[in-house]
Amino acid sequence: MSADIKSHLIDLLTQSLAGVAPQSPASAIALERPKQAAHGDWACNIAMQLAKPLKRNPRELAQALIAGLPASPWLDRAELAGPGFINLRLKPAAKLDAVRRVLAAGTGYGRADTGHGRPFLVEFVSANPTGPLHVGHGRQAALGDAISALLEAQGWKVAREFYYNDAGAQIDNLALSVQARAREQRGEAAGFPESGYHGEYIREIAADYLAGNGDPDDLATVRKFAVAALRREQDEDLRAFGVKFDNYYLESSLYADGKVEATVTALTASGKTYEQDGALWLRTTDYGDDKDRVMRKSDGSHTYFVPDVAYHVTKWQRGFAHAVNIQGSDHHGTVARVRAGLQALSAVTGAGIPRDYPDYVLHKMVTVMKGGEEVKLSKRAGSYVTVRDLIDEVGRDAVRFFLVSRKADTEFVFDIDLAKSQTEDNPVYYVQYAHARICSVLAQSGTDPQSLQTAELAPLALERELVLAQRLGEFPEMLAEAARDFTPHTLVFYLRELAAEFHSYYNAERVLVADEGLKLARLALIQAVRQVLQNGLALLGVRAPEKM
């Protein structure tokens, strides 16, 4: 018998199908959760799928499949519904089996080995070193770290990478901005660059530069000092956020190592480039882009597109056949460009890069609200809210939880007042409180949690108890889907539902009852809930407190 309930049910249907229609592929069998609980625990539409090729009535076929199901200690009954659905109802023991599996696996519950240790590169944040990290970078950091953790939980060997855009016009503007402030602080008349950075942090960097006897007229040294200072600050912000990277890749190294020029040469050799108006273009429209893109401008400088392609070539060459980029939705245009460049290169080099390489997760803006009004400015940044502002205001847990609580491609309103509230309306508080509440009950019971692995679960017969147990059984599949689809918000939804179902159960029923058998069964159930809450929060980088 399969250890997993869903796999077990599919095995039963596969055996029945082999007897009813042996020529039909068992791979077509799929189970779904019915939208209404009254329709059973699982539903299968295999009869409707096969009715036409088998030239049979779907209801008649479904009835034959039901009749052919082998006996099972977990399946209570199968029912025919509608035009040919097969609704499956589980025995209580099947639902409660999840409790046993959670207690046995502990922190490993929900993990799988789909990745088989293969490498997977997750690139995220990748902020220009021109200022403190803003709240959009925070959303990237939370998404990227959670996606990385989900992939690791599925057996992938994940490398977290930060790509520093430390070359180009934005760095020139940073250097000129710091230079101008340094000259001001020395009492010199200095014009501020039109595209300069105006935050208070620029004055701080200028002051530090002068304190070290730096020469404002040495622009190259100013540039190096400013970039280093902001990289340190961004690293401090990331540490405060609990995010660590395995590798930092410098855009400047692509030029220094000749990778940008090599990319241009290879793309030209592909026959997909042409010159027009003094510029070098790539026929990206041959690969699905809406228009061709300039590679090298008439002044001889490269567009951002070229080092982006060169950088992604290195990902492939470094052995990362699987890669995902988490970026802002303003990078939407780069997806087609980068993939087109990689395809053109692959055609001439025979690299074999897939057409959809790399994967992308593009997130939308975050609006910060406080007191019913939008917060737009940071004292230090001057033009945006920094992720450090949020961490200082509401704490790391709330920021990380909130910023992955919606689909990445939807805009998100971060309500500071809600994040600080201690009510059931605050989702992170509600989930953490469920964990702490269970810890309190377990402590009061004086029971060794390890001993609960052998507790008899048969006394758990209430509908709320079976619903909780069944929800625990959904955790592994939910994690697998969240990792596959790069959707950590589904984990947030799951944790909120599990917490709500626990609170509802706890408010309705006593756990520490006089009946010893029932008490131990209920303690085992809530210990399993606690373990799954802890496992899920850990993947989000959020604490599971024992007291609140």
Protein backbone atom coordinates (compact mmCIF):
# COMPACT_ATOMS: atom_id res chain seq x y z
CA MET A 1 0.00 0.00 0.00
CA SER A 2 1.36 3.42 -0.95
CA ALA A 3 2.49 5.57 1.95
CA ASP A 4 0.73 8.55 0.42
CA ILE A 5 -3.07 8.52 0.41
CA LYS A 6 -3.41 10.11 -3.03
CA SER A 7 -0.92 7.68 -4.56
CA HIS A 8 -2.80 4.82 -2.93
CA LEU A 9 -6.10 5.92 -4.49
CA ILE A 10 -4.46 6.27 -7.90
CA ASP A 11 -3.06 2.75 -7.47
CA LEU A 12 -6.58 1.46 -6.79
CA LEU A 13 -7.99 3.16 -9.88
CA THR A 14 -5.05 1.93 -11.96
CA GLN A 15 -5.78 -1.67 -10.94
CA SER A 16 -9.45 -1.24 -11.77
CA LEU A 17 -8.66 0.36 -15.14
CA ALA A 18 -6.37 -2.54 -16.00
CA GLY A 19 -9.34 -4.87 -15.63
CA VAL A 20 -11.99 -2.67 -17.27
CA ALA A 21 -9.97 -1.20 -20.15
CA PRO A 22 -6.43 -2.67 -20.19
CA GLN A 23 -5.55 -0.83 -23.40
CA SER A 24 -6.04 2.59 -21.76
CA PRO A 25 -3.10 4.52 -20.23
CA ALA A 26 -3.11 4.67 -16.45
CA SER A 27 -1.09 7.90 -16.68
CA ALA A 28 -4.36 9.70 -17.50
CA ILE A 29 -5.67 9.09 -13.98
CA ALA A 30 -5.67 12.29 -11.90
CA LEU A 31 -7.38 13.25 -8.67
CA GLU A 32 -8.77 16.61 -7.64
CA ARG A 33 -10.26 17.97 -4.46
CA PRO A 34 -14.03 18.50 -4.90
CA LYS A 35 -15.09 22.13 -4.44
CA GLN A 36 -17.78 20.98 -2.02
CA ALA A 37 -16.93 18.68 0.90
CA ALA A 38 -20.27 16.91 0.45
CA HIS A 39 -18.92 15.46 -2.81
CA GLY A 40 -16.26 13.43 -1.04
CA ASP A 41 -12.54 13.71 -0.33
CA TRP A 42 -11.26 13.20 -3.89
CA ALA A 43 -12.79 13.17 -7.36
CA CYS A 44 -11.63 11.56 -10.61
CA ASN A 45 -12.87 12.24 -14.16
CA ILE A 46 -11.02 9.40 -15.90
CA ALA A 47 -14.28 7.85 -17.13
CA MET A 48 -15.23 11.03 -18.98
CA GLN A 49 -11.76 11.27 -20.50
CA LEU A 50 -11.79 7.71 -21.81
CA ALA A 51 -15.46 7.43 -22.79
CA LYS A 52 -14.99 8.76 -26.33
CA PRO A 53 -11.88 6.76 -27.33
CA LEU A 54 -13.41 3.63 -25.78
CA LYS A 55 -16.83 4.40 -27.34
CA ARG A 56 -18.56 3.82 -24.03
CA ASN A 57 -21.07 5.77 -21.98
CA PRO A 58 -19.09 7.74 -19.34
CA ARG A 59 -21.47 6.92 -16.49
CA GLU A 60 -21.46 3.25 -17.41
CA LEU A 61 -17.65 3.29 -17.61
CA ALA A 62 -17.38 5.06 -14.26
CA GLN A 63 -19.69 2.49 -12.66
CA ALA A 64 -17.54 -0.33 -14.05
CA LEU A 65 -14.39 1.30 -12.63
CA ILE A 66 -16.06 1.69 -9.25
CA ALA A 67 -17.10 -1.96 -9.26
CA GLY A 68 -13.56 -3.01 -10.12
CA LEU A 69 -11.84 -1.18 -7.28
CA PRO A 70 -9.87 -3.53 -4.99
CA ALA A 71 -10.61 -3.63 -1.28
CA SER A 72 -8.73 -1.00 0.68
CA PRO A 73 -8.24 -0.29 4.38
CA TRP A 74 -8.30 3.46 3.56
CA LEU A 75 -11.10 3.83 1.00
CA ASP A 76 -14.57 3.91 2.57
CA ARG A 77 -16.53 4.01 -0.68
CA ALA A 78 -16.61 5.31 -4.24
CA GLU A 79 -19.68 6.96 -5.72
CA LEU A 80 -20.87 7.83 -9.22
CA ALA A 81 -21.75 11.50 -9.69
CA GLY A 82 -22.92 13.76 -12.48
CA PRO A 83 -21.93 12.89 -16.05
CA GLY A 84 -19.32 10.37 -14.94
CA PHE A 85 -17.31 11.64 -11.97
CA ILE A 86 -16.00 9.13 -9.46
CA ASN A 87 -16.14 10.58 -5.96
CA LEU A 88 -13.93 8.86 -3.38
CA ARG A 89 -14.60 8.95 0.35
CA LEU A 90 -11.85 8.05 2.81
CA LYS A 91 -12.09 6.18 6.07
CA PRO A 92 -11.12 8.18 9.19
CA ALA A 93 -8.00 6.01 9.54
CA ALA A 94 -6.78 7.20 6.13
CA LYS A 95 -7.06 10.85 7.13
CA LEU A 96 -5.45 10.23 10.52
CA ASP A 97 -2.50 8.47 8.89
CA ALA A 98 -1.12 11.93 8.06
CA VAL A 99 -0.74 12.61 11.79
CA ARG A 100 1.38 9.51 12.16
CA ARG A 101 3.54 10.47 9.16
CA VAL A 102 4.10 14.01 10.46
CA LEU A 103 5.17 12.79 13.90
CA ALA A 104 7.51 10.21 12.40
CA ALA A 105 9.18 12.59 9.92
CA GLY A 106 9.38 15.66 12.17
CA THR A 107 11.25 18.51 10.51
CA GLY A 108 11.61 16.38 7.38
CA TYR A 109 7.86 16.15 6.80
CA GLY A 110 6.93 17.62 3.43
CA ARG A 111 10.38 17.22 1.93
CA ALA A 112 11.02 15.19 -1.22
CA ASP A 113 13.89 14.35 -3.58
CA THR A 114 12.49 15.50 -6.91
CA GLY A 115 15.66 17.47 -7.65
CA HIS A 116 18.00 14.56 -6.89
CA GLY A 117 20.74 16.99 -5.88
CA ARG A 118 20.85 18.70 -9.27
CA PRO A 119 22.02 22.34 -9.31
CA PHE A 120 19.46 25.16 -9.50
CA LEU A 121 20.47 28.83 -9.66
CA VAL A 122 18.13 31.38 -8.11
CA GLU A 123 19.05 34.98 -8.90
CA PHE A 124 17.28 37.67 -6.92
CA VAL A 125 17.55 41.20 -5.54
CA SER A 126 20.42 42.09 -7.94
CA ALA A 127 20.08 45.75 -6.96
CA ASN A 128 22.23 48.46 -8.48
CA PRO A 129 24.73 49.55 -5.79
CA THR A 130 23.42 53.10 -5.96
CA GLY A 131 21.36 53.33 -2.77
CA PRO A 132 19.79 51.44 0.15
CA LEU A 133 17.51 48.53 -0.73
CA HIS A 134 13.94 49.70 -1.30
CA VAL A 135 10.78 47.79 -0.42
CA GLY A 136 10.61 46.34 -3.93
CA HIS A 137 14.02 44.78 -3.35
CA GLY A 138 12.57 43.47 -0.09
CA ARG A 139 9.80 41.71 -1.98
CA GLN A 140 12.43 40.18 -4.25
CA ALA A 141 14.50 39.09 -1.27
CA ALA A 142 11.52 37.46 0.45
CA LEU A 143 10.35 35.78 -2.76
CA GLY A 144 13.81 34.63 -3.81
CA ASP A 145 14.75 33.21 -0.44
CA ALA A 146 11.41 31.41 -0.05
CA ILE A 147 11.59 29.97 -3.58
CA SER A 148 15.14 28.82 -2.87
CA ALA A 149 14.02 27.11 0.35
CA LEU A 150 11.09 25.43 -1.42
CA LEU A 151 13.40 24.09 -4.13
CA GLU A 152 15.85 22.82 -1.51
CA ALA A 153 12.96 21.06 0.22
CA GLN A 154 12.36 19.21 -3.07
CA GLY A 155 15.95 17.97 -3.25
CA TRP A 156 17.54 20.60 -5.51
CA LYS A 157 21.04 21.91 -4.78
CA VAL A 158 20.24 25.61 -4.80
CA ALA A 159 22.71 28.45 -5.33
CA ARG A 160 21.47 31.90 -4.34
CA GLU A 161 23.08 34.57 -6.52
CA PHE A 162 23.13 38.39 -6.48
CA TYR A 163 24.12 40.10 -9.74
CA TYR A 164 25.70 43.50 -9.12
CA ASN A 165 25.13 46.03 -11.89
CA ASP A 166 28.36 47.84 -11.01
CA ALA A 167 28.98 49.14 -14.52
CA GLY A 168 27.16 51.69 -16.65
CA ALA A 169 25.51 55.09 -16.47
CA GLN A 170 23.84 54.63 -13.06
CA ILE A 171 27.23 54.09 -11.41
CA ASP A 172 28.60 57.16 -13.20
CA ASN A 173 25.70 59.18 -11.78
CA LEU A 174 26.40 57.80 -8.29
CA ALA A 175 30.05 58.86 -8.49
CA LEU A 176 29.15 62.32 -9.76
CA SER A 177 26.53 62.72 -7.00
CA VAL A 178 28.99 61.82 -4.23
CA GLN A 179 31.65 64.02 -5.82
CA ALA A 180 29.26 67.00 -5.89
CA ARG A 181 28.28 66.55 -2.22
CA ALA A 182 31.93 66.18 -1.21
CA ARG A 183 32.78 69.43 -2.94
CA GLU A 184 29.83 71.13 -1.24
CA GLN A 185 31.05 69.92 2.15
CA ARG A 186 34.47 71.42 1.39
CA GLY A 187 32.77 74.74 0.69
CA GLU A 188 33.27 74.62 -3.04
CA ALA A 189 30.67 75.61 -5.62
CA ALA A 190 29.51 72.39 -7.26
CA GLY A 191 26.76 71.77 -9.76
CA PHE A 192 24.68 68.66 -9.03
CA PRO A 193 24.28 66.14 -11.89
CA GLU A 194 20.88 66.24 -13.57
CA SER A 195 20.34 62.49 -13.06
CA GLY A 196 22.04 62.39 -9.68
CA TYR A 197 20.91 60.71 -6.46
CA HIS A 198 19.49 63.09 -3.84
CA GLY A 199 19.13 60.95 -0.72
CA GLU A 200 20.74 61.82 2.58
CA TYR A 201 22.90 58.72 2.21
CA ILE A 202 24.86 60.48 -0.57
CA ARG A 203 25.90 63.19 1.89
CA GLU A 204 26.88 60.49 4.40
CA ILE A 205 29.08 58.71 1.84
CA ALA A 206 30.67 62.03 0.82
CA ALA A 207 31.42 62.87 4.46
CA ASP A 208 32.98 59.43 5.05
CA TYR A 209 35.07 59.82 1.90
CA LEU A 210 36.42 63.18 3.03
CA ALA A 211 37.03 61.84 6.55
CA GLY A 212 39.40 59.32 4.98
CA ASN A 213 41.26 62.13 3.22
CA GLY A 214 39.71 61.29 -0.12
CA ASP A 215 40.20 63.67 -3.02
CA PRO A 216 36.87 64.77 -4.59
CA ASP A 217 38.64 65.51 -7.86
CA ASP A 218 39.66 61.85 -8.22
CA LEU A 219 36.38 60.61 -9.71
CA ALA A 220 37.59 57.03 -10.18
CA THR A 221 38.40 56.76 -6.47
CA VAL A 222 35.11 58.42 -5.53
CA ARG A 223 33.30 55.86 -7.67
CA LYS A 224 35.12 52.90 -6.10
CA PHE A 225 34.52 54.24 -2.57
CA ALA A 226 30.80 54.91 -3.15
CA VAL A 227 30.11 51.50 -4.69
CA ALA A 228 31.93 49.73 -1.85
CA ALA A 229 30.03 51.76 0.76
CA LEU A 230 26.65 50.95 -0.73
CA ARG A 231 27.50 47.30 -1.19
CA ARG A 232 28.31 47.14 2.52
CA GLU A 233 25.02 48.86 3.37
CA GLN A 234 23.01 46.53 1.16
CA ASP A 235 24.76 43.55 2.75
CA GLU A 236 23.79 44.87 6.19
CA ASP A 237 20.17 45.26 5.05
CA LEU A 238 20.16 41.67 3.77
CA ARG A 239 21.64 40.37 7.02
CA ALA A 240 18.92 42.20 8.93
CA PHE A 241 16.43 40.48 6.65
CA GLY A 242 18.01 37.07 7.24
CA VAL A 243 18.96 36.55 3.60
CA LYS A 244 22.32 35.05 2.61
CA PHE A 245 23.77 34.64 -0.86
CA ASP A 246 26.14 31.94 -2.06
CA ASN A 247 27.62 34.10 -4.79
CA TYR A 248 27.88 37.72 -5.89
CA TYR A 249 28.47 38.17 -9.61
CA LEU A 250 29.84 41.52 -10.81
CA GLU A 251 28.69 42.98 -14.11
CA SER A 252 32.09 44.68 -14.37
CA SER A 253 33.76 41.25 -14.46
CA LEU A 254 31.95 40.46 -17.71
CA TYR A 255 33.82 43.33 -19.34
CA ALA A 256 37.11 42.66 -17.58
CA ASP A 257 37.05 38.98 -18.56
CA GLY A 258 36.15 39.72 -22.18
CA LYS A 259 32.80 37.93 -21.92
CA VAL A 260 30.79 40.88 -23.28
CA GLU A 261 32.97 41.21 -26.37
CA ALA A 262 32.97 37.43 -26.86
CA THR A 263 29.18 37.49 -26.75
CA VAL A 264 29.02 40.20 -29.42
CA THR A 265 31.45 38.22 -31.60
CA ALA A 266 29.45 35.00 -31.24
CA LEU A 267 26.13 36.73 -31.93
CA THR A 268 27.60 38.33 -35.04
CA ALA A 269 28.81 34.90 -36.15
CA SER A 270 25.27 33.57 -35.76
CA GLY A 271 24.19 35.64 -38.75
CA LYS A 272 21.42 37.21 -36.72
CA THR A 273 22.90 40.72 -36.48
CA TYR A 274 22.87 43.69 -38.82
CA GLU A 275 24.07 47.29 -38.82
CA GLN A 276 21.73 50.24 -39.11
CA ASP A 277 22.18 53.94 -38.28
CA GLY A 278 25.69 53.21 -37.06
CA ALA A 279 24.44 50.69 -34.47
CA LEU A 280 24.67 46.89 -34.28
CA TRP A 281 21.28 45.16 -33.98
CA LEU A 282 20.19 41.60 -33.17
CA ARG A 283 17.20 40.09 -34.94
CA THR A 284 15.41 39.17 -31.72
CA THR A 285 12.12 39.13 -33.67
CA ASP A 286 13.28 35.80 -35.09
CA TYR A 287 12.85 34.43 -31.57
CA GLY A 288 9.49 35.95 -30.63
CA ASP A 289 10.50 39.46 -29.50
CA ASP A 290 8.20 42.31 -30.57
CA LYS A 291 11.05 44.22 -32.21
CA ASP A 292 14.77 43.89 -32.93
CA ARG A 293 17.16 45.15 -30.25
CA VAL A 294 20.28 47.29 -30.36
CA MET A 295 23.40 45.53 -29.10
CA ARG A 296 26.01 48.20 -29.63
CA LYS A 297 25.06 51.87 -29.91
CA SER A 298 26.52 54.26 -32.45
CA ASP A 299 28.89 55.64 -29.80
CA GLY A 300 30.43 52.17 -29.37
CA SER A 301 28.90 51.42 -25.95
CA HIS A 302 26.81 48.31 -25.32
CA THR A 303 23.19 48.30 -24.26
CA TYR A 304 22.18 46.51 -21.04
CA PHE A 305 20.92 43.64 -23.14
CA VAL A 306 24.43 42.49 -24.13
CA PRO A 307 25.96 41.97 -20.65
CA ASP A 308 22.63 40.40 -19.60
CA VAL A 309 23.04 37.76 -22.32
CA ALA A 310 26.73 37.29 -21.48
CA TYR A 311 25.82 36.83 -17.81
CA HIS A 312 23.22 34.17 -18.59
CA VAL A 313 25.67 32.32 -20.80
CA THR A 314 27.87 32.00 -17.71
CA LYS A 315 24.96 30.50 -15.79
CA TRP A 316 24.62 27.77 -18.38
CA GLN A 317 28.39 27.25 -18.62
CA ARG A 318 28.63 26.95 -14.83
CA GLY A 319 26.37 23.91 -15.00
CA PHE A 320 23.05 25.49 -14.06
CA ALA A 321 20.67 23.85 -16.51
CA HIS A 322 17.90 25.07 -14.21
CA ALA A 323 17.72 28.76 -13.29
CA VAL A 324 15.10 31.28 -12.27
CA ASN A 325 15.33 35.07 -12.02
CA ILE A 326 13.19 37.03 -9.57
CA GLN A 327 12.89 40.60 -10.84
CA GLY A 328 10.55 43.58 -10.89
CA SER A 329 7.84 43.71 -13.55
CA ASP A 330 9.70 46.61 -15.17
CA HIS A 331 12.10 43.93 -16.44
CA HIS A 332 9.34 42.34 -18.52
CA GLY A 333 11.02 43.39 -21.79
CA THR A 334 14.29 41.70 -20.86
CA VAL A 335 12.72 38.22 -20.83
CA ALA A 336 12.29 37.96 -24.61
CA ARG A 337 15.57 39.76 -25.26
CA VAL A 338 17.71 37.55 -23.07
CA ARG A 339 16.08 34.35 -24.32
CA ALA A 340 16.45 35.49 -27.94
CA GLY A 341 20.14 36.25 -27.40
CA LEU A 342 20.70 32.88 -25.80
CA GLN A 343 18.95 31.08 -28.65
CA ALA A 344 21.03 32.91 -31.26
CA LEU A 345 24.20 31.98 -29.38
CA SER A 346 23.06 28.41 -28.85
CA ALA A 347 22.47 28.03 -32.59
CA VAL A 348 26.07 28.94 -33.42
CA THR A 349 27.78 27.26 -30.45
CA GLY A 350 25.59 24.17 -30.15
CA ALA A 351 25.16 24.82 -26.42
CA GLY A 352 21.67 23.34 -26.42
CA ILE A 353 20.12 26.06 -24.23
CA PRO A 354 16.31 25.54 -24.01
CA ARG A 355 14.04 28.21 -25.52
CA ASP A 356 12.47 29.02 -22.16
CA TYR A 357 15.78 29.39 -20.31
CA PRO A 358 15.92 30.90 -17.75
CA ASP A 359 12.60 30.92 -15.89
CA TYR A 360 11.36 34.27 -14.59
CA VAL A 361 9.24 35.43 -11.67
CA LEU A 362 8.29 39.08 -12.17
CA HIS A 363 6.79 40.90 -9.20
CA LYS A 364 4.75 44.08 -9.10
CA MET A 365 5.02 47.14 -6.90
CA VAL A 366 4.58 47.36 -3.15
CA THR A 367 2.65 50.29 -1.66
CA VAL A 368 3.35 51.03 2.00
CA MET A 369 0.48 52.37 4.11
CA LYS A 370 0.43 53.75 7.66
CA GLY A 371 -2.44 55.45 9.41
CA GLY A 372 -4.53 55.08 6.28
CA GLU A 373 -2.07 57.06 4.16
CA GLU A 374 0.62 56.01 1.73
CA VAL A 375 4.20 56.26 2.97
CA LYS A 376 6.42 57.38 0.09
CA LEU A 377 9.67 58.63 1.53
CA SER A 378 12.51 57.42 3.69
CA LYS A 379 14.56 59.93 5.68
CA ARG A 380 17.80 58.46 4.36
CA ALA A 381 16.80 57.44 0.84
CA GLY A 382 14.80 60.58 0.22
CA SER A 383 12.69 59.20 -2.61
CA TYR A 384 11.44 55.75 -1.55
CA VAL A 385 10.72 53.49 1.43
CA THR A 386 13.63 51.22 2.29
CA VAL A 387 13.33 47.61 3.38
CA ARG A 388 15.26 48.56 6.55
CA ASP A 389 12.51 51.07 7.37
CA LEU A 390 9.97 48.27 7.32
CA ILE A 391 12.12 45.86 9.33
CA ASP A 392 12.72 48.50 11.99
CA GLU A 393 9.01 49.33 12.08
CA VAL A 394 7.35 45.89 12.20
CA GLY A 395 10.13 43.29 12.48
CA ARG A 396 11.69 40.78 10.10
CA ASP A 397 9.00 38.10 10.47
CA ALA A 398 6.11 40.33 9.45
CA VAL A 399 8.03 41.80 6.49
CA ARG A 400 9.05 38.41 5.12
CA PHE A 401 5.61 36.86 5.63
CA PHE A 402 3.68 39.79 4.20
CA LEU A 403 5.87 40.22 1.11
CA VAL A 404 5.26 36.64 -0.07
CA SER A 405 1.59 36.52 0.91
CA ARG A 406 0.28 37.40 -2.56
CA LYS A 407 1.06 36.22 -6.07
CA ALA A 408 4.19 37.94 -7.29
CA ASP A 409 2.46 39.39 -10.34
CA THR A 410 -0.13 41.25 -8.24
CA GLU A 411 0.42 44.63 -6.62
CA PHE A 412 0.67 44.50 -2.85
CA VAL A 413 -0.34 46.97 -0.16
CA PHE A 414 1.84 46.64 2.94
CA ASP A 415 -0.24 47.94 5.86
CA ILE A 416 2.15 48.78 8.70
CA ASP A 417 -0.68 49.10 11.22
CA LEU A 418 -1.98 45.64 10.34
CA ALA A 419 1.52 44.14 10.51
CA LYS A 420 1.93 45.48 14.06
CA SER A 421 -1.51 44.43 15.31
CA GLN A 422 -2.00 41.40 17.55
CA THR A 423 -5.32 40.22 16.15
CA GLU A 424 -6.54 37.43 13.90
CA ASP A 425 -6.61 39.97 11.05
CA ASN A 426 -2.80 39.98 11.10
CA PRO A 427 -1.93 36.75 9.24
CA VAL A 428 1.62 36.31 10.54
CA TYR A 429 0.52 36.91 14.14
CA TYR A 430 -2.38 34.48 13.67
CA VAL A 431 -0.11 31.71 12.37
CA GLN A 432 2.63 32.27 14.95
CA TYR A 433 0.05 32.43 17.73
CA ALA A 434 -1.30 29.04 16.68
CA HIS A 435 2.18 27.57 17.08
CA ALA A 436 2.74 29.24 20.45
CA ARG A 437 -0.70 28.17 21.65
CA ILE A 438 0.06 24.52 20.88
CA CYS A 439 3.43 24.78 22.63
CA SER A 440 1.65 26.07 25.72
CA VAL A 441 -0.82 23.16 25.75
CA LEU A 442 1.96 20.61 25.25
CA ALA A 443 3.91 22.16 28.11
CA GLN A 444 0.85 22.05 30.38
CA SER A 445 0.28 18.39 29.54
CA GLY A 446 3.73 17.37 30.74
CA THR A 447 3.79 14.77 27.96
CA ASP A 448 6.98 13.93 26.11
CA PRO A 449 6.26 14.88 22.46
CA GLN A 450 8.30 11.88 21.27
CA SER A 451 5.94 9.51 23.06
CA LEU A 452 3.03 10.82 21.00
CA GLN A 453 4.33 8.97 17.93
CA THR A 454 2.83 5.78 19.34
CA ALA A 455 -0.43 7.32 20.57
CA GLU A 456 -3.61 5.55 19.45
CA LEU A 457 -5.44 7.90 17.07
CA ALA A 458 -8.75 6.06 16.80
CA PRO A 459 -10.44 8.28 19.44
CA LEU A 460 -10.18 11.20 16.99
CA ALA A 461 -13.64 11.05 15.44
CA LEU A 462 -14.89 14.66 15.36
CA GLU A 463 -15.26 16.33 11.98
CA ARG A 464 -12.91 19.17 13.01
CA GLU A 465 -10.25 16.61 13.97
CA LEU A 466 -10.51 14.78 10.66
CA VAL A 467 -10.40 18.07 8.74
CA LEU A 468 -7.21 19.04 10.57
CA ALA A 469 -5.63 15.66 9.89
CA GLN A 470 -6.56 15.80 6.22
CA ARG A 471 -5.08 19.29 5.94
CA LEU A 472 -1.80 17.95 7.33
CA GLY A 473 -1.81 15.30 4.63
CA GLU A 474 -1.98 17.99 1.93
CA PHE A 475 1.28 19.64 3.03
CA PRO A 476 3.79 17.61 0.94
CA GLU A 477 1.88 17.97 -2.34
CA MET A 478 1.30 21.67 -1.71
CA LEU A 479 5.04 22.19 -1.17
CA ALA A 480 5.86 20.30 -4.37
CA GLU A 481 3.47 22.50 -6.37
CA ALA A 482 4.77 25.71 -4.76
CA ALA A 483 8.35 24.77 -5.66
CA ARG A 484 7.45 23.71 -9.20
CA ASP A 485 5.46 26.89 -9.92
CA PHE A 486 7.68 29.29 -7.89
CA THR A 487 4.64 30.33 -5.82
CA PRO A 488 5.49 30.70 -2.11
CA HIS A 489 2.19 32.51 -1.58
CA THR A 490 0.46 29.11 -1.74
CA LEU A 491 2.43 28.10 1.36
CA VAL A 492 1.23 31.28 3.10
CA PHE A 493 -2.38 30.48 2.17
CA TYR A 494 -1.93 26.94 3.47
CA LEU A 495 -0.48 28.08 6.81
CA ARG A 496 -3.28 30.58 7.29
CA GLU A 497 -5.90 27.89 6.62
CA LEU A 498 -4.19 25.40 8.93
CA ALA A 499 -3.92 28.00 11.71
CA ALA A 500 -7.58 28.99 11.29
CA GLU A 501 -8.71 25.36 11.46
CA PHE A 502 -6.60 24.77 14.56
CA HIS A 503 -7.94 27.88 16.35
CA SER A 504 -11.49 26.83 15.46
CA TYR A 505 -10.87 23.35 16.85
CA TYR A 506 -9.13 24.59 20.00
CA ASN A 507 -11.90 27.09 20.74
CA ALA A 508 -14.54 24.36 20.39
CA GLU A 509 -12.89 21.40 22.12
CA ARG A 510 -10.76 20.75 25.18
CA VAL A 511 -7.47 18.96 24.56
CA LEU A 512 -6.47 18.10 28.14
CA VAL A 513 -9.52 15.99 28.91
CA ALA A 514 -9.87 13.39 31.67
CA ASP A 515 -10.03 10.47 29.22
CA GLU A 516 -6.35 9.54 28.88
CA GLY A 517 -6.70 7.89 25.49
CA LEU A 518 -8.60 10.83 23.99
CA LYS A 519 -6.17 13.30 25.57
CA LEU A 520 -3.13 11.58 24.06
CA ALA A 521 -4.81 11.36 20.66
CA ARG A 522 -5.63 15.07 20.70
CA LEU A 523 -2.12 15.93 21.88
CA ALA A 524 -0.71 13.89 18.99
CA LEU A 525 -2.96 15.77 16.57
CA ILE A 526 -1.99 19.23 17.75
CA GLN A 527 1.70 18.25 17.97
CA ALA A 528 1.47 17.31 14.29
CA VAL A 529 -0.17 20.67 13.55
CA ARG A 530 2.62 22.42 15.45
CA GLN A 531 5.28 20.54 13.48
CA VAL A 532 3.76 21.45 10.12
CA LEU A 533 3.39 25.11 11.14
CA GLN A 534 7.05 25.13 12.15
CA ASN A 535 8.16 23.43 8.93
CA GLY A 536 6.18 25.85 6.79
CA LEU A 537 7.31 28.99 8.61
CA ALA A 538 10.94 27.86 8.40
CA LEU A 539 10.68 27.73 4.59
CA LEU A 540 9.51 31.35 4.64
CA GLY A 541 12.35 32.40 6.93
CA VAL A 542 9.86 33.23 9.71
CA ARG A 543 10.20 32.23 13.38
CA ALA A 544 7.86 29.75 15.04
CA PRO A 545 7.77 31.17 18.61
CA GLU A 546 6.94 28.98 21.60
CA LYS A 547 5.60 31.94 23.58
CA MET A 548 3.89 35.18 22.56
